């Protein structure tokens, strides 16, 4: 017996962006590994790649996720 049932049809109002087909889909048509979502609207899903780029840039420039200057300058000093 499977632990999870495969959902063949999505719920109305759930929007996804398919990375493989580069299109917006209502309900999950493609496998989870190939999509972003769910989003509340078609418009949000259409801007999924833009949102992902913005979040990635925020993460890459967030000083809380990176060592500040002067830390670990000498690799031999790290435990």
Protein backbone atom coordinates (compact mmCIF):
# COMPACT_ATOMS: atom_id res chain seq x y z
CA UNK A 1 0.00 0.00 0.00
CA UNK A 2 1.35 3.41 -0.93
CA UNK A 3 1.91 5.98 1.79
CA UNK A 4 0.78 8.82 -0.41
CA UNK A 5 -1.88 8.78 -3.05
CA UNK A 6 -0.87 10.29 -6.33
CA UNK A 7 -3.04 13.30 -6.99
CA UNK A 8 -3.85 13.34 -10.67
CA UNK A 9 -5.88 16.54 -10.73
CA UNK A 10 -5.11 19.75 -8.93
CA UNK A 11 -7.48 21.79 -6.88
CA UNK A 12 -9.21 24.64 -8.69
CA UNK A 13 -7.50 27.88 -7.77
CA UNK A 14 -4.05 26.33 -7.24
CA UNK A 15 -1.60 27.74 -9.74
CA UNK A 16 1.87 26.44 -10.55
CA UNK A 17 4.74 27.41 -12.83
CA UNK A 18 6.17 24.46 -14.76
CA UNK A 19 9.94 24.77 -15.12
CA UNK A 20 10.11 22.17 -17.88
CA UNK A 21 7.38 23.60 -20.13
CA UNK A 22 7.86 27.24 -19.02
CA UNK A 23 4.14 27.78 -18.54
CA UNK A 24 1.52 28.43 -15.89
CA UNK A 25 -0.72 25.49 -14.97
CA UNK A 26 -3.87 25.30 -12.88
CA UNK A 27 -3.42 22.37 -10.55
CA UNK A 28 -0.29 20.25 -10.63
CA UNK A 29 -0.03 18.83 -14.14
CA UNK A 30 3.71 18.13 -13.99
CA UNK A 31 5.80 16.38 -11.30
CA UNK A 32 6.72 18.41 -8.21
CA UNK A 33 10.41 18.40 -9.18
CA UNK A 34 9.52 20.45 -12.27
CA UNK A 35 7.33 23.15 -10.76
CA UNK A 36 7.09 26.10 -8.40
CA UNK A 37 3.94 26.66 -6.39
CA UNK A 38 1.21 26.59 -5.45
CA UNK A 39 0.39 30.25 -5.97
CA UNK A 40 -2.90 31.96 -5.13
CA UNK A 41 -3.37 33.41 -8.62
CA UNK A 42 -2.41 32.90 -12.24
CA UNK A 43 -0.61 36.27 -12.13
CA UNK A 44 1.61 35.21 -9.18
CA UNK A 45 2.50 31.95 -10.94
CA UNK A 46 3.35 33.85 -14.13
CA UNK A 47 5.97 35.82 -12.18
CA UNK A 48 7.45 32.77 -10.42
CA UNK A 49 10.87 33.02 -12.06
CA UNK A 50 11.08 36.73 -11.31
CA UNK A 51 10.18 36.10 -7.66
CA UNK A 52 12.76 33.32 -7.43
CA UNK A 53 15.50 35.59 -8.86
CA UNK A 54 14.61 38.32 -6.33
CA UNK A 55 14.67 35.86 -3.39
CA UNK A 56 17.97 34.39 -4.55
CA UNK A 57 19.53 37.83 -4.78
CA UNK A 58 18.27 38.72 -1.29
CA UNK A 59 19.74 35.51 0.10
CA UNK A 60 23.08 35.95 -1.68
CA UNK A 61 23.49 39.48 -0.31
CA UNK A 62 22.14 38.83 3.21
CA UNK A 63 25.02 39.23 5.68
CA UNK A 64 23.30 36.90 8.17
CA UNK A 65 24.01 33.97 5.81
CA UNK A 66 27.66 34.76 5.17
CA UNK A 67 30.72 35.28 7.32
CA UNK A 68 31.59 38.92 7.73
CA UNK A 69 34.94 40.43 6.88
CA UNK A 70 37.76 39.41 9.17
CA UNK A 71 36.24 36.06 10.11
CA UNK A 72 38.13 32.87 9.36
CA UNK A 73 40.90 34.69 7.51
CA UNK A 74 43.34 31.98 8.51
CA UNK A 75 41.93 28.48 7.82
CA UNK A 76 44.28 27.02 10.46
CA UNK A 77 42.44 29.03 13.16
CA UNK A 78 39.14 27.21 12.58
CA UNK A 79 38.35 24.27 14.84
